[in-house]
Amino acid sequence: MQATAYTFDAGTGRGSVLLDDGTPMEFGADAFRAGGLRLLRPGQRVRIELEGGDDGDGPRRITRVTLHTF
């Protein structure tokens, strides 16, 4: 799934993205590290991987954040 980086704290590795429908979602340092990134700037297009959701596995959460490339 694609999203846009909204916030990022380089000190903690935590941040948030905006989904294409405008919904904000936060991610933790573990999701940032899983993507192999060093830095993220607000406005960058990213690809996110999610787990959980409507099937009873708990709330949706971001498990990986990587840069979106064409």
PDB file of N, CA and C in Angstrom:
ATOM      1  N   MET A   1       0.840  -1.161   0.000  1.00  0.00           N
ATOM      2  CA  MET A   1       0.000   0.000   0.000  1.00  0.00           C
ATOM      3  C   MET A   1       0.895   1.238   0.000  1.00  0.00           C
ATOM      4  N   GLN A   2       0.457   2.268  -0.670  1.00  0.00           N
ATOM      5  CA  GLN A   2       1.219   3.506  -0.722  1.00  0.00           C
ATOM      6  C   GLN A   2       0.654   4.532   0.248  1.00  0.00           C
ATOM      7  N   ALA A   3       1.521   5.433   0.692  1.00  0.00           N
ATOM      8  CA  ALA A   3       1.131   6.501   1.601  1.00  0.00           C
ATOM      9  C   ALA A   3       2.120   7.652   1.432  1.00  0.00           C
ATOM     10  N   THR A   4       1.893   8.720   2.179  1.00  0.00           N
ATOM     11  CA  THR A   4       2.788   9.875   2.177  1.00  0.00           C
ATOM     12  C   THR A   4       3.313  10.081   3.588  1.00  0.00           C
ATOM     13  N   ALA A   5       4.637  10.223   3.723  1.00  0.00           N
ATOM     14  CA  ALA A   5       5.224  10.486   5.037  1.00  0.00           C
ATOM     15  C   ALA A   5       4.669  11.797   5.567  1.00  0.00           C
ATOM     16  N   TYR A   6       4.266  11.789   6.826  1.00  0.00           N
ATOM     17  CA  TYR A   6       3.670  12.973   7.429  1.00  0.00           C
ATOM     18  C   TYR A   6       4.574  13.543   8.518  1.00  0.00           C
ATOM     19  N   THR A   7       4.988  12.698   9.442  1.00  0.00           N
ATOM     20  CA  THR A   7       5.921  13.125  10.487  1.00  0.00           C
ATOM     21  C   THR A   7       7.004  12.075  10.632  1.00  0.00           C
ATOM     22  N   PHE A   8       8.155  12.489  11.132  1.00  0.00           N
ATOM     23  CA  PHE A   8       9.228  11.545  11.415  1.00  0.00           C
ATOM     24  C   PHE A   8      10.170  12.152  12.435  1.00  0.00           C
ATOM     25  N   ASP A   9      10.514  11.388  13.456  1.00  0.00           N
ATOM     26  CA  ASP A   9      11.473  11.793  14.477  1.00  0.00           C
ATOM     27  C   ASP A   9      12.714  10.930  14.310  1.00  0.00           C
ATOM     28  N   ALA A  10      13.783  11.516  13.801  1.00  0.00           N
ATOM     29  CA  ALA A  10      15.014  10.768  13.543  1.00  0.00           C
ATOM     30  C   ALA A  10      15.628  10.213  14.826  1.00  0.00           C
ATOM     31  N   GLY A  11      15.379  10.853  15.944  1.00  0.00           N
ATOM     32  CA  GLY A  11      15.926  10.386  17.211  1.00  0.00           C
ATOM     33  C   GLY A  11      15.309   9.090  17.692  1.00  0.00           C
ATOM     34  N   THR A  12      14.023   8.920  17.455  1.00  0.00           N
ATOM     35  CA  THR A  12      13.328   7.714  17.922  1.00  0.00           C
ATOM     36  C   THR A  12      13.026   6.722  16.806  1.00  0.00           C
ATOM     37  N   GLY A  13      13.025   7.180  15.552  1.00  0.00           N
ATOM     38  CA  GLY A  13      12.664   6.316  14.428  1.00  0.00           C
ATOM     39  C   GLY A  13      11.159   6.138  14.278  1.00  0.00           C
ATOM     40  N   ARG A  14      10.384   6.901  15.026  1.00  0.00           N
ATOM     41  CA  ARG A  14       8.925   6.817  14.964  1.00  0.00           C
ATOM     42  C   ARG A  14       8.374   7.932  14.090  1.00  0.00           C
ATOM     43  N   GLY A  15       7.182   7.694  13.546  1.00  0.00           N
ATOM     44  CA  GLY A  15       6.569   8.732  12.730  1.00  0.00           C
ATOM     45  C   GLY A  15       5.158   8.368  12.349  1.00  0.00           C
ATOM     46  N   SER A  16       4.663   9.051  11.335  1.00  0.00           N
ATOM     47  CA  SER A  16       3.316   8.776  10.854  1.00  0.00           C
ATOM     48  C   SER A  16       3.253   9.005   9.352  1.00  0.00           C
ATOM     49  N   VAL A  17       2.258   8.398   8.752  1.00  0.00           N
ATOM     50  CA  VAL A  17       1.996   8.565   7.321  1.00  0.00           C
ATOM     51  C   VAL A  17       0.538   8.945   7.147  1.00  0.00           C
ATOM     52  N   LEU A  18       0.227   9.482   5.980  1.00  0.00           N
ATOM     53  CA  LEU A  18      -1.161   9.712   5.581  1.00  0.00           C
ATOM     54  C   LEU A  18      -1.471   8.738   4.456  1.00  0.00           C
ATOM     55  N   LEU A  19      -2.493   7.915   4.655  1.00  0.00           N
ATOM     56  CA  LEU A  19      -2.940   7.037   3.581  1.00  0.00           C
ATOM     57  C   LEU A  19      -3.540   7.897   2.479  1.00  0.00           C
ATOM     58  N   ASP A  20      -3.724   7.342   1.317  1.00  0.00           N
ATOM     59  CA  ASP A  20      -4.226   8.118   0.190  1.00  0.00           C
ATOM     60  C   ASP A  20      -5.632   8.663   0.418  1.00  0.00           C
ATOM     61  N   ASP A  21      -6.375   8.079   1.349  1.00  0.00           N
ATOM     62  CA  ASP A  21      -7.705   8.616   1.663  1.00  0.00           C
ATOM     63  C   ASP A  21      -7.650   9.671   2.767  1.00  0.00           C
ATOM     64  N   GLY A  22      -6.432  10.033   3.214  1.00  0.00           N
ATOM     65  CA  GLY A  22      -6.248  11.062   4.230  1.00  0.00           C
ATOM     66  C   GLY A  22      -6.175  10.542   5.654  1.00  0.00           C
ATOM     67  N   THR A  23      -6.324   9.242   5.847  1.00  0.00           N
ATOM     68  CA  THR A  23      -6.278   8.646   7.177  1.00  0.00           C
ATOM     69  C   THR A  23      -4.841   8.628   7.695  1.00  0.00           C
ATOM     70  N   PRO A  24      -4.599   9.179   8.883  1.00  0.00           N
ATOM     71  CA  PRO A  24      -3.247   9.102   9.454  1.00  0.00           C
ATOM     72  C   PRO A  24      -3.015   7.754  10.133  1.00  0.00           C
ATOM     73  N   MET A  25      -1.800   7.247  10.039  1.00  0.00           N
ATOM     74  CA  MET A  25      -1.396   6.024  10.737  1.00  0.00           C
ATOM     75  C   MET A  25       0.005   6.233  11.276  1.00  0.00           C
ATOM     76  N   GLU A  26       0.217   5.829  12.497  1.00  0.00           N
ATOM     77  CA  GLU A  26       1.546   5.932  13.106  1.00  0.00           C
ATOM     78  C   GLU A  26       2.328   4.649  12.876  1.00  0.00           C
ATOM     79  N   PHE A  27       3.655   4.786  12.873  1.00  0.00           N
ATOM     80  CA  PHE A  27       4.525   3.610  12.815  1.00  0.00           C
ATOM     81  C   PHE A  27       5.601   3.747  13.875  1.00  0.00           C
ATOM     82  N   GLY A  28       6.074   2.609  14.338  1.00  0.00           N
ATOM     83  CA  GLY A  28       7.116   2.580  15.354  1.00  0.00           C
ATOM     84  C   GLY A  28       8.491   2.401  14.744  1.00  0.00           C
ATOM     85  N   ALA A  29       9.493   2.470  15.594  1.00  0.00           N
ATOM     86  CA  ALA A  29      10.875   2.334  15.151  1.00  0.00           C
ATOM     87  C   ALA A  29      11.132   0.979  14.508  1.00  0.00           C
ATOM     88  N   ASP A  30      10.449  -0.063  14.979  1.00  0.00           N
ATOM     89  CA  ASP A  30      10.651  -1.392  14.400  1.00  0.00           C
ATOM     90  C   ASP A  30      10.230  -1.431  12.937  1.00  0.00           C
ATOM     91  N   ALA A  31       9.132  -0.765  12.579  1.00  0.00           N
ATOM     92  CA  ALA A  31       8.685  -0.713  11.187  1.00  0.00           C
ATOM     93  C   ALA A  31       9.649   0.110  10.333  1.00  0.00           C
ATOM     94  N   PHE A  32      10.192   1.173  10.900  1.00  0.00           N
ATOM     95  CA  PHE A  32      11.155   1.996  10.168  1.00  0.00           C
ATOM     96  C   PHE A  32      12.439   1.207   9.915  1.00  0.00           C
ATOM     97  N   ARG A  33      12.963   0.539  10.944  1.00  0.00           N
ATOM     98  CA  ARG A  33      14.187  -0.263  10.783  1.00  0.00           C
ATOM     99  C   ARG A  33      13.989  -1.403   9.788  1.00  0.00           C
ATOM    100  N   ALA A  34      12.804  -2.012   9.789  1.00  0.00           N
ATOM    101  CA  ALA A  34      12.528  -3.131   8.882  1.00  0.00           C
ATOM    102  C   ALA A  34      12.641  -2.716   7.417  1.00  0.00           C
ATOM    103  N   GLY A  35      12.410  -1.448   7.125  1.00  0.00           N
ATOM    104  CA  GLY A  35      12.493  -0.963   5.753  1.00  0.00           C
ATOM    105  C   GLY A  35      13.896  -0.603   5.302  1.00  0.00           C
ATOM    106  N   GLY A  36      14.857  -0.582   6.228  1.00  0.00           N
ATOM    107  CA  GLY A  36      16.240  -0.290   5.866  1.00  0.00           C
ATOM    108  C   GLY A  36      16.519   1.166   5.541  1.00  0.00           C
ATOM    109  N   LEU A  37      15.643   2.059   5.939  1.00  0.00           N
ATOM    110  CA  LEU A  37      15.845   3.481   5.652  1.00  0.00           C
ATOM    111  C   LEU A  37      16.733   4.131   6.706  1.00  0.00           C
ATOM    112  N   ARG A  38      17.330   5.257   6.346  1.00  0.00           N
ATOM    113  CA  ARG A  38      18.114   6.055   7.293  1.00  0.00           C
ATOM    114  C   ARG A  38      17.370   7.301   7.730  1.00  0.00           C
ATOM    115  N   LEU A  39      16.569   7.856   6.840  1.00  0.00           N
ATOM    116  CA  LEU A  39      15.896   9.124   7.088  1.00  0.00           C
ATOM    117  C   LEU A  39      14.609   9.148   6.280  1.00  0.00           C
ATOM    118  N   LEU A  40      13.657   9.919   6.744  1.00  0.00           N
ATOM    119  CA  LEU A  40      12.392  10.072   6.042  1.00  0.00           C
ATOM    120  C   LEU A  40      11.967  11.525   6.169  1.00  0.00           C
ATOM    121  N   ARG A  41      11.610  12.138   5.048  1.00  0.00           N
ATOM    122  CA  ARG A  41      11.167  13.532   5.054  1.00  0.00           C
ATOM    123  C   ARG A  41       9.670  13.605   4.821  1.00  0.00           C
ATOM    124  N   PRO A  42       8.983  14.490   5.529  1.00  0.00           N
ATOM    125  CA  PRO A  42       7.557  14.675   5.271  1.00  0.00           C
ATOM    126  C   PRO A  42       7.318  14.998   3.800  1.00  0.00           C
ATOM    127  N   GLY A  43       6.300  14.385   3.241  1.00  0.00           N
ATOM    128  CA  GLY A  43       5.961  14.583   1.836  1.00  0.00           C
ATOM    129  C   GLY A  43       6.483  13.492   0.923  1.00  0.00           C
ATOM    130  N   GLN A  44       7.437  12.684   1.394  1.00  0.00           N
ATOM    131  CA  GLN A  44       7.945  11.603   0.558  1.00  0.00           C
ATOM    132  C   GLN A  44       6.886  10.519   0.411  1.00  0.00           C
ATOM    133  N   ARG A  45       6.816   9.943  -0.796  1.00  0.00           N
ATOM    134  CA  ARG A  45       5.914   8.820  -1.016  1.00  0.00           C
ATOM    135  C   ARG A  45       6.597   7.563  -0.493  1.00  0.00           C
ATOM    136  N   VAL A  46       5.846   6.773   0.238  1.00  0.00           N
ATOM    137  CA  VAL A  46       6.372   5.551   0.820  1.00  0.00           C
ATOM    138  C   VAL A  46       5.437   4.389   0.509  1.00  0.00           C
ATOM    139  N   ARG A  47       5.988   3.213   0.645  1.00  0.00           N
ATOM    140  CA  ARG A  47       5.205   1.982   0.558  1.00  0.00           C
ATOM    141  C   ARG A  47       5.186   1.406   1.962  1.00  0.00           C
ATOM    142  N   ILE A  48       4.011   1.012   2.431  1.00  0.00           N
ATOM    143  CA  ILE A  48       3.896   0.447   3.767  1.00  0.00           C
ATOM    144  C   ILE A  48       3.324  -0.962   3.689  1.00  0.00           C
ATOM    145  N   GLU A  49       3.728  -1.784   4.641  1.00  0.00           N
ATOM    146  CA  GLU A  49       3.153  -3.111   4.795  1.00  0.00           C
ATOM    147  C   GLU A  49       2.404  -3.112   6.116  1.00  0.00           C
ATOM    148  N   LEU A  50       1.224  -3.729   6.099  1.00  0.00           N
ATOM    149  CA  LEU A  50       0.349  -3.737   7.269  1.00  0.00           C
ATOM    150  C   LEU A  50       0.107  -5.157   7.742  1.00  0.00           C
ATOM    151  N   GLU A  51      -0.254  -5.266   9.025  1.00  0.00           N
ATOM    152  CA  GLU A  51      -0.743  -6.541   9.542  1.00  0.00           C
ATOM    153  C   GLU A  51      -1.917  -6.241  10.465  1.00  0.00           C
ATOM    154  N   GLY A  52      -2.744  -7.237  10.680  1.00  0.00           N
ATOM    155  CA  GLY A  52      -3.935  -7.047  11.499  1.00  0.00           C
ATOM    156  C   GLY A  52      -5.044  -6.442  10.681  1.00  0.00           C
ATOM    157  N   GLY A  53      -6.136  -6.135  11.347  1.00  0.00           N
ATOM    158  CA  GLY A  53      -7.236  -5.491  10.652  1.00  0.00           C
ATOM    159  C   GLY A  53      -8.556  -6.158  10.885  1.00  0.00           C
ATOM    160  N   ASP A  54      -9.363  -6.219   9.853  1.00  0.00           N
ATOM    161  CA  ASP A  54     -10.751  -6.642   9.963  1.00  0.00           C
ATOM    162  C   ASP A  54     -10.948  -8.122  10.271  1.00  0.00           C
ATOM    163  N   ASP A  55      -9.928  -8.944  10.133  1.00  0.00           N
ATOM    164  CA  ASP A  55     -10.122 -10.392  10.318  1.00  0.00           C
ATOM    165  C   ASP A  55      -9.956 -10.850  11.770  1.00  0.00           C
ATOM    166  N   GLY A  56      -9.978  -9.924  12.717  1.00  0.00           N
ATOM    167  CA  GLY A  56      -9.898 -10.301  14.125  1.00  0.00           C
ATOM    168  C   GLY A  56      -8.501 -10.407  14.681  1.00  0.00           C
ATOM    169  N   ASP A  57      -7.493 -10.030  13.910  1.00  0.00           N
ATOM    170  CA  ASP A  57      -6.096 -10.097  14.357  1.00  0.00           C
ATOM    171  C   ASP A  57      -5.655  -8.831  15.078  1.00  0.00           C
ATOM    172  N   GLY A  58      -6.565  -8.089  15.642  1.00  0.00           N
ATOM    173  CA  GLY A  58      -6.212  -6.842  16.307  1.00  0.00           C
ATOM    174  C   GLY A  58      -6.239  -5.682  15.341  1.00  0.00           C
ATOM    175  N   PRO A  59      -5.892  -4.507  15.832  1.00  0.00           N
ATOM    176  CA  PRO A  59      -5.918  -3.318  14.974  1.00  0.00           C
ATOM    177  C   PRO A  59      -4.831  -3.381  13.898  1.00  0.00           C
ATOM    178  N   ARG A  60      -5.092  -2.682  12.791  1.00  0.00           N
ATOM    179  CA  ARG A  60      -4.070  -2.599  11.732  1.00  0.00           C
ATOM    180  C   ARG A  60      -2.859  -1.876  12.266  1.00  0.00           C
ATOM    181  N   ARG A  61      -1.673  -2.366  11.903  1.00  0.00           N
ATOM    182  CA  ARG A  61      -0.451  -1.657  12.263  1.00  0.00           C
ATOM    183  C   ARG A  61       0.546  -1.789  11.129  1.00  0.00           C
ATOM    184  N   ILE A  62       1.400  -0.781  11.015  1.00  0.00           N
ATOM    185  CA  ILE A  62       2.428  -0.761   9.977  1.00  0.00           C
ATOM    186  C   ILE A  62       3.607  -1.598  10.451  1.00  0.00           C
ATOM    187  N   THR A  63       4.045  -2.528   9.603  1.00  0.00           N
ATOM    188  CA  THR A  63       5.168  -3.390   9.953  1.00  0.00           C
ATOM    189  C   THR A  63       6.442  -3.054   9.185  1.00  0.00           C
ATOM    190  N   ARG A  64       6.319  -2.305   8.081  1.00  0.00           N
ATOM    191  CA  ARG A  64       7.498  -1.935   7.284  1.00  0.00           C
ATOM    192  C   ARG A  64       7.207  -0.673   6.498  1.00  0.00           C
ATOM    193  N   VAL A  65       8.193   0.227   6.457  1.00  0.00           N
ATOM    194  CA  VAL A  65       8.102   1.459   5.679  1.00  0.00           C
ATOM    195  C   VAL A  65       9.295   1.499   4.741  1.00  0.00           C
ATOM    196  N   THR A  66       9.033   1.593   3.437  1.00  0.00           N
ATOM    197  CA  THR A  66      10.103   1.718   2.455  1.00  0.00           C
ATOM    198  C   THR A  66       9.761   2.863   1.511  1.00  0.00           C
ATOM    199  N   LEU A  67      10.757   3.352   0.784  1.00  0.00           N
ATOM    200  CA  LEU A  67      10.496   4.403  -0.190  1.00  0.00           C
ATOM    201  C   LEU A  67       9.776   3.826  -1.379  1.00  0.00           C
ATOM    202  N   HIS A  68       8.844   4.596  -1.905  1.00  0.00           N
ATOM    203  CA  HIS A  68       8.126   4.194  -3.114  1.00  0.00           C
ATOM    204  C   HIS A  68       8.969   4.603  -4.308  1.00  0.00           C
ATOM    205  N   THR A  69       9.270   3.652  -5.172  1.00  0.00           N
ATOM    206  CA  THR A  69      10.016   3.949  -6.393  1.00  0.00           C
ATOM    207  C   THR A  69       9.162   3.567  -7.595  1.00  0.00           C
ATOM    208  N   PHE A  70       9.378   4.265  -8.682  1.00  0.00           N
ATOM    209  CA  PHE A  70       8.576   4.024  -9.888  1.00  0.00           C
ATOM    210  C   PHE A  70       9.219   2.987 -10.752  1.00  0.00           C
TER     211      PHE A  70
END
